[in-house]
Amino acid sequence: MTTSSENQTPVKNRPCGDHWFEMTATLSAQETAQFGDWMSESLDELEASLQHFSSPQSRGEAVARR
């Protein structure tokens, strides 16, 4: 019988190290800001679409106790 540890997915290269820094160094400040804005908007949309899975407590909201 095989176990999950025997069937691991190979690790893919990730954008880090010198290659990542070389690529990001080619971006202008305006392009970096535009990407940051796009990423923030995308995150807001994702959070809104997943809101029904969270509770006030998991969002860090105070819960009144009686």
PDB file of N, CA and C in Angstrom:
ATOM      1  N   MET A   1       0.847  -1.177   0.000  1.00  0.00           N
ATOM      2  CA  MET A   1       0.000   0.000   0.000  1.00  0.00           C
ATOM      3  C   MET A   1       0.895   1.245   0.000  1.00  0.00           C
ATOM      4  N   THR A   2       0.601   2.159  -0.887  1.00  0.00           N
ATOM      5  CA  THR A   2       1.395   3.385  -0.947  1.00  0.00           C
ATOM      6  C   THR A   2       0.821   4.426   0.003  1.00  0.00           C
ATOM      7  N   THR A   3       1.674   5.309   0.430  1.00  0.00           N
ATOM      8  CA  THR A   3       1.240   6.393   1.308  1.00  0.00           C
ATOM      9  C   THR A   3       1.390   7.716   0.575  1.00  0.00           C
ATOM     10  N   SER A   4       0.793   8.741   1.138  1.00  0.00           N
ATOM     11  CA  SER A   4       0.861  10.054   0.500  1.00  0.00           C
ATOM     12  C   SER A   4       2.293  10.563   0.424  1.00  0.00           C
ATOM     13  N   SER A   5       3.138  10.164   1.370  1.00  0.00           N
ATOM     14  CA  SER A   5       4.527  10.630   1.341  1.00  0.00           C
ATOM     15  C   SER A   5       5.307  10.004   0.191  1.00  0.00           C
ATOM     16  N   GLU A   6       4.842   8.872  -0.328  1.00  0.00           N
ATOM     17  CA  GLU A   6       5.501   8.223  -1.461  1.00  0.00           C
ATOM     18  C   GLU A   6       5.041   8.794  -2.794  1.00  0.00           C
ATOM     19  N   ASN A   7       3.949   9.521  -2.802  1.00  0.00           N
ATOM     20  CA  ASN A   7       3.368  10.047  -4.036  1.00  0.00           C
ATOM     21  C   ASN A   7       3.373  11.565  -4.060  1.00  0.00           C
ATOM     22  N   GLN A   8       4.448  12.180  -3.661  1.00  0.00           N
ATOM     23  CA  GLN A   8       4.491  13.631  -3.601  1.00  0.00           C
ATOM     24  C   GLN A   8       4.670  14.226  -4.990  1.00  0.00           C
ATOM     25  N   THR A   9       4.030  15.365  -5.192  1.00  0.00           N
ATOM     26  CA  THR A   9       4.164  16.107  -6.439  1.00  0.00           C
ATOM     27  C   THR A   9       5.530  16.766  -6.470  1.00  0.00           C
ATOM     28  N   PRO A  10       6.223  16.701  -7.618  1.00  0.00           N
ATOM     29  CA  PRO A  10       7.533  17.354  -7.682  1.00  0.00           C
ATOM     30  C   PRO A  10       7.420  18.855  -7.450  1.00  0.00           C
ATOM     31  N   VAL A  11       8.425  19.413  -6.809  1.00  0.00           N
ATOM     32  CA  VAL A  11       8.444  20.844  -6.514  1.00  0.00           C
ATOM     33  C   VAL A  11       8.790  21.602  -7.787  1.00  0.00           C
ATOM     34  N   LYS A  12       7.980  22.616  -8.106  1.00  0.00           N
ATOM     35  CA  LYS A  12       8.232  23.446  -9.279  1.00  0.00           C
ATOM     36  C   LYS A  12       9.105  24.628  -8.879  1.00  0.00           C
ATOM     37  N   ASN A  13       9.855  25.127  -9.841  1.00  0.00           N
ATOM     38  CA  ASN A  13      10.647  26.323  -9.586  1.00  0.00           C
ATOM     39  C   ASN A  13       9.723  27.484  -9.280  1.00  0.00           C
ATOM     40  N   ARG A  14      10.100  28.279  -8.318  1.00  0.00           N
ATOM     41  CA  ARG A  14       9.298  29.434  -7.927  1.00  0.00           C
ATOM     42  C   ARG A  14      10.043  30.705  -8.297  1.00  0.00           C
ATOM     43  N   PRO A  15       9.289  31.788  -8.552  1.00  0.00           N
ATOM     44  CA  PRO A  15       9.947  33.059  -8.909  1.00  0.00           C
ATOM     45  C   PRO A  15      10.627  33.686  -7.697  1.00  0.00           C
ATOM     46  N   CYS A  16      11.860  33.333  -7.484  1.00  0.00           N
ATOM     47  CA  CYS A  16      12.601  33.896  -6.368  1.00  0.00           C
ATOM     48  C   CYS A  16      14.069  33.991  -6.759  1.00  0.00           C
ATOM     49  N   GLY A  17      14.835  34.548  -5.885  1.00  0.00           N
ATOM     50  CA  GLY A  17      16.256  34.648  -6.136  1.00  0.00           C
ATOM     51  C   GLY A  17      16.594  35.673  -7.202  1.00  0.00           C
ATOM     52  N   ASP A  18      17.710  35.470  -7.857  1.00  0.00           N
ATOM     53  CA  ASP A  18      18.212  36.432  -8.835  1.00  0.00           C
ATOM     54  C   ASP A  18      17.239  36.671  -9.985  1.00  0.00           C
ATOM     55  N   HIS A  19      16.600  35.616 -10.493  1.00  0.00           N
ATOM     56  CA  HIS A  19      15.680  35.783 -11.622  1.00  0.00           C
ATOM     57  C   HIS A  19      14.531  36.722 -11.263  1.00  0.00           C
ATOM     58  N   TRP A  20      13.987  36.550 -10.072  1.00  0.00           N
ATOM     59  CA  TRP A  20      12.875  37.396  -9.636  1.00  0.00           C
ATOM     60  C   TRP A  20      13.323  38.851  -9.524  1.00  0.00           C
ATOM     61  N   PHE A  21      14.466  39.083  -8.925  1.00  0.00           N
ATOM     62  CA  PHE A  21      14.964  40.450  -8.756  1.00  0.00           C
ATOM     63  C   PHE A  21      15.320  41.088 -10.094  1.00  0.00           C
ATOM     64  N   GLU A  22      15.864  40.299 -11.025  1.00  0.00           N
ATOM     65  CA  GLU A  22      16.174  40.825 -12.357  1.00  0.00           C
ATOM     66  C   GLU A  22      14.900  41.252 -13.076  1.00  0.00           C
ATOM     67  N   MET A  23      13.852  40.442 -12.966  1.00  0.00           N
ATOM     68  CA  MET A  23      12.596  40.766 -13.633  1.00  0.00           C
ATOM     69  C   MET A  23      11.947  42.000 -13.021  1.00  0.00           C
ATOM     70  N   THR A  24      11.884  42.052 -11.704  1.00  0.00           N
ATOM     71  CA  THR A  24      11.224  43.193 -11.069  1.00  0.00           C
ATOM     72  C   THR A  24      12.024  44.477 -11.234  1.00  0.00           C
ATOM     73  N   ALA A  25      13.313  44.374 -11.435  1.00  0.00           N
ATOM     74  CA  ALA A  25      14.141  45.569 -11.637  1.00  0.00           C
ATOM     75  C   ALA A  25      13.833  46.254 -12.965  1.00  0.00           C
ATOM     76  N   THR A  26      13.212  45.529 -13.894  1.00  0.00           N
ATOM     77  CA  THR A  26      12.878  46.114 -15.197  1.00  0.00           C
ATOM     78  C   THR A  26      11.580  46.908 -15.156  1.00  0.00           C
ATOM     79  N   LEU A  27      10.837  46.838 -14.059  1.00  0.00           N
ATOM     80  CA  LEU A  27       9.553  47.527 -13.957  1.00  0.00           C
ATOM     81  C   LEU A  27       9.741  48.954 -13.461  1.00  0.00           C
ATOM     82  N   SER A  28       8.941  49.846 -14.022  1.00  0.00           N
ATOM     83  CA  SER A  28       8.981  51.236 -13.557  1.00  0.00           C
ATOM     84  C   SER A  28       8.154  51.361 -12.277  1.00  0.00           C
ATOM     85  N   ALA A  29       8.304  52.482 -11.596  1.00  0.00           N
ATOM     86  CA  ALA A  29       7.524  52.727 -10.379  1.00  0.00           C
ATOM     87  C   ALA A  29       6.035  52.746 -10.702  1.00  0.00           C
ATOM     88  N   GLN A  30       5.672  53.303 -11.852  1.00  0.00           N
ATOM     89  CA  GLN A  30       4.263  53.355 -12.247  1.00  0.00           C
ATOM     90  C   GLN A  30       3.721  51.944 -12.492  1.00  0.00           C
ATOM     91  N   GLU A  31       4.499  51.104 -13.167  1.00  0.00           N
ATOM     92  CA  GLU A  31       4.061  49.730 -13.419  1.00  0.00           C
ATOM     93  C   GLU A  31       3.923  48.950 -12.111  1.00  0.00           C
ATOM     94  N   THR A  32       4.847  49.174 -11.199  1.00  0.00           N
ATOM     95  CA  THR A  32       4.776  48.512  -9.901  1.00  0.00           C
ATOM     96  C   THR A  32       3.528  48.955  -9.141  1.00  0.00           C
ATOM     97  N   ALA A  33       3.217  50.248  -9.185  1.00  0.00           N
ATOM     98  CA  ALA A  33       2.023  50.776  -8.517  1.00  0.00           C
ATOM     99  C   ALA A  33       0.756  50.217  -9.155  1.00  0.00           C
ATOM    100  N   GLN A  34       0.729  50.142 -10.489  1.00  0.00           N
ATOM    101  CA  GLN A  34      -0.440  49.593 -11.183  1.00  0.00           C
ATOM    102  C   GLN A  34      -0.652  48.131 -10.799  1.00  0.00           C
ATOM    103  N   PHE A  35       0.430  47.376 -10.737  1.00  0.00           N
ATOM    104  CA  PHE A  35       0.328  45.975 -10.343  1.00  0.00           C
ATOM    105  C   PHE A  35      -0.181  45.860  -8.908  1.00  0.00           C
ATOM    106  N   GLY A  36       0.330  46.703  -8.021  1.00  0.00           N
ATOM    107  CA  GLY A  36      -0.121  46.695  -6.633  1.00  0.00           C
ATOM    108  C   GLY A  36      -1.601  47.016  -6.514  1.00  0.00           C
ATOM    109  N   ASP A  37      -2.068  47.996  -7.293  1.00  0.00           N
ATOM    110  CA  ASP A  37      -3.492  48.346  -7.288  1.00  0.00           C
ATOM    111  C   ASP A  37      -4.335  47.182  -7.793  1.00  0.00           C
ATOM    112  N   TRP A  38      -3.891  46.563  -8.897  1.00  0.00           N
ATOM    113  CA  TRP A  38      -4.619  45.423  -9.458  1.00  0.00           C
ATOM    114  C   TRP A  38      -4.666  44.281  -8.447  1.00  0.00           C
ATOM    115  N   MET A  39      -3.544  44.011  -7.795  1.00  0.00           N
ATOM    116  CA  MET A  39      -3.489  42.932  -6.817  1.00  0.00           C
ATOM    117  C   MET A  39      -4.420  43.221  -5.639  1.00  0.00           C
ATOM    118  N   SER A  40      -4.453  44.461  -5.166  1.00  0.00           N
ATOM    119  CA  SER A  40      -5.333  44.834  -4.056  1.00  0.00           C
ATOM    120  C   SER A  40      -6.798  44.670  -4.439  1.00  0.00           C
ATOM    121  N   GLU A  41      -7.159  45.099  -5.648  1.00  0.00           N
ATOM    122  CA  GLU A  41      -8.540  44.954  -6.115  1.00  0.00           C
ATOM    123  C   GLU A  41      -8.916  43.483  -6.235  1.00  0.00           C
ATOM    124  N   SER A  42      -8.007  42.682  -6.767  1.00  0.00           N
ATOM    125  CA  SER A  42      -8.274  41.252  -6.910  1.00  0.00           C
ATOM    126  C   SER A  42      -8.448  40.589  -5.552  1.00  0.00           C
ATOM    127  N   LEU A  43      -7.635  40.978  -4.584  1.00  0.00           N
ATOM    128  CA  LEU A  43      -7.750  40.427  -3.237  1.00  0.00           C
ATOM    129  C   LEU A  43      -9.072  40.833  -2.597  1.00  0.00           C
ATOM    130  N   ASP A  44      -9.478  42.090  -2.772  1.00  0.00           N
ATOM    131  CA  ASP A  44     -10.764  42.548  -2.235  1.00  0.00           C
ATOM    132  C   ASP A  44     -11.915  41.735  -2.824  1.00  0.00           C
ATOM    133  N   GLU A  45     -11.863  41.479  -4.137  1.00  0.00           N
ATOM    134  CA  GLU A  45     -12.910  40.693  -4.794  1.00  0.00           C
ATOM    135  C   GLU A  45     -12.926  39.260  -4.272  1.00  0.00           C
ATOM    136  N   LEU A  46     -11.747  38.679  -4.094  1.00  0.00           N
ATOM    137  CA  LEU A  46     -11.664  37.314  -3.581  1.00  0.00           C
ATOM    138  C   LEU A  46     -12.206  37.233  -2.160  1.00  0.00           C
ATOM    139  N   GLU A  47     -11.817  38.183  -1.312  1.00  0.00           N
ATOM    140  CA  GLU A  47     -12.314  38.198   0.065  1.00  0.00           C
ATOM    141  C   GLU A  47     -13.831  38.335   0.095  1.00  0.00           C
ATOM    142  N   ALA A  48     -14.381  39.189  -0.755  1.00  0.00           N
ATOM    143  CA  ALA A  48     -15.832  39.374  -0.797  1.00  0.00           C
ATOM    144  C   ALA A  48     -16.528  38.088  -1.244  1.00  0.00           C
ATOM    145  N   SER A  49     -15.941  37.391  -2.214  1.00  0.00           N
ATOM    146  CA  SER A  49     -16.574  36.166  -2.711  1.00  0.00           C
ATOM    147  C   SER A  49     -16.509  35.029  -1.692  1.00  0.00           C
ATOM    148  N   LEU A  50     -15.582  35.108  -0.747  1.00  0.00           N
ATOM    149  CA  LEU A  50     -15.426  34.052   0.259  1.00  0.00           C
ATOM    150  C   LEU A  50     -15.990  34.436   1.623  1.00  0.00           C
ATOM    151  N   GLN A  51     -16.581  35.611   1.729  1.00  0.00           N
ATOM    152  CA  GLN A  51     -17.061  36.125   3.014  1.00  0.00           C
ATOM    153  C   GLN A  51     -18.051  35.182   3.693  1.00  0.00           C
ATOM    154  N   HIS A  52     -18.882  34.497   2.918  1.00  0.00           N
ATOM    155  CA  HIS A  52     -19.886  33.629   3.531  1.00  0.00           C
ATOM    156  C   HIS A  52     -19.267  32.417   4.235  1.00  0.00           C
ATOM    157  N   PHE A  53     -17.975  32.173   4.041  1.00  0.00           N
ATOM    158  CA  PHE A  53     -17.298  31.079   4.727  1.00  0.00           C
ATOM    159  C   PHE A  53     -16.707  31.504   6.067  1.00  0.00           C
ATOM    160  N   SER A  54     -16.739  32.789   6.379  1.00  0.00           N
ATOM    161  CA  SER A  54     -16.100  33.271   7.604  1.00  0.00           C
ATOM    162  C   SER A  54     -17.137  33.688   8.637  1.00  0.00           C
ATOM    163  N   SER A  55     -16.665  33.801   9.866  1.00  0.00           N
ATOM    164  CA  SER A  55     -17.519  34.243  10.963  1.00  0.00           C
ATOM    165  C   SER A  55     -16.957  35.543  11.517  1.00  0.00           C
ATOM    166  N   PRO A  56     -17.752  36.282  12.286  1.00  0.00           N
ATOM    167  CA  PRO A  56     -17.219  37.503  12.903  1.00  0.00           C
ATOM    168  C   PRO A  56     -15.954  37.229  13.721  1.00  0.00           C
ATOM    169  N   GLN A  57     -15.922  36.115  14.421  1.00  0.00           N
ATOM    170  CA  GLN A  57     -14.753  35.791  15.241  1.00  0.00           C
ATOM    171  C   GLN A  57     -13.523  35.537  14.360  1.00  0.00           C
ATOM    172  N   SER A  58     -13.691  34.827  13.249  1.00  0.00           N
ATOM    173  CA  SER A  58     -12.541  34.555  12.387  1.00  0.00           C
ATOM    174  C   SER A  58     -12.044  35.810  11.690  1.00  0.00           C
ATOM    175  N   ARG A  59     -12.907  36.821  11.564  1.00  0.00           N
ATOM    176  CA  ARG A  59     -12.501  38.096  10.971  1.00  0.00           C
ATOM    177  C   ARG A  59     -11.920  39.038  12.013  1.00  0.00           C
ATOM    178  N   GLY A  60     -11.855  38.596  13.277  1.00  0.00           N
ATOM    179  CA  GLY A  60     -11.276  39.411  14.336  1.00  0.00           C
ATOM    180  C   GLY A  60     -12.225  40.444  14.898  1.00  0.00           C
ATOM    181  N   GLU A  61     -13.508  40.294  14.609  1.00  0.00           N
ATOM    182  CA  GLU A  61     -14.497  41.235  15.132  1.00  0.00           C
ATOM    183  C   GLU A  61     -14.861  40.843  16.559  1.00  0.00           C
ATOM    184  N   ALA A  62     -15.117  41.830  17.373  1.00  0.00           N
ATOM    185  CA  ALA A  62     -15.503  41.584  18.765  1.00  0.00           C
ATOM    186  C   ALA A  62     -16.879  40.941  18.804  1.00  0.00           C
ATOM    187  N   VAL A  63     -16.994  39.948  19.639  1.00  0.00           N
ATOM    188  CA  VAL A  63     -18.274  39.269  19.820  1.00  0.00           C
ATOM    189  C   VAL A  63     -18.747  39.573  21.236  1.00  0.00           C
ATOM    190  N   ALA A  64     -19.927  40.180  21.358  1.00  0.00           N
ATOM    191  CA  ALA A  64     -20.469  40.535  22.675  1.00  0.00           C
ATOM    192  C   ALA A  64     -20.931  39.268  23.388  1.00  0.00           C
ATOM    193  N   ARG A  65     -20.584  39.181  24.665  1.00  0.00           N
ATOM    194  CA  ARG A  65     -21.029  38.040  25.472  1.00  0.00           C
ATOM    195  C   ARG A  65     -22.054  38.528  26.476  1.00  0.00           C
ATOM    196  N   ARG A  66     -23.070  37.739  26.669  1.00  0.00           N
ATOM    197  CA  ARG A  66     -24.119  38.094  27.628  1.00  0.00           C
ATOM    198  C   ARG A  66     -24.151  37.103  28.737  1.00  0.00           C
TER     199      ARG A  66
END
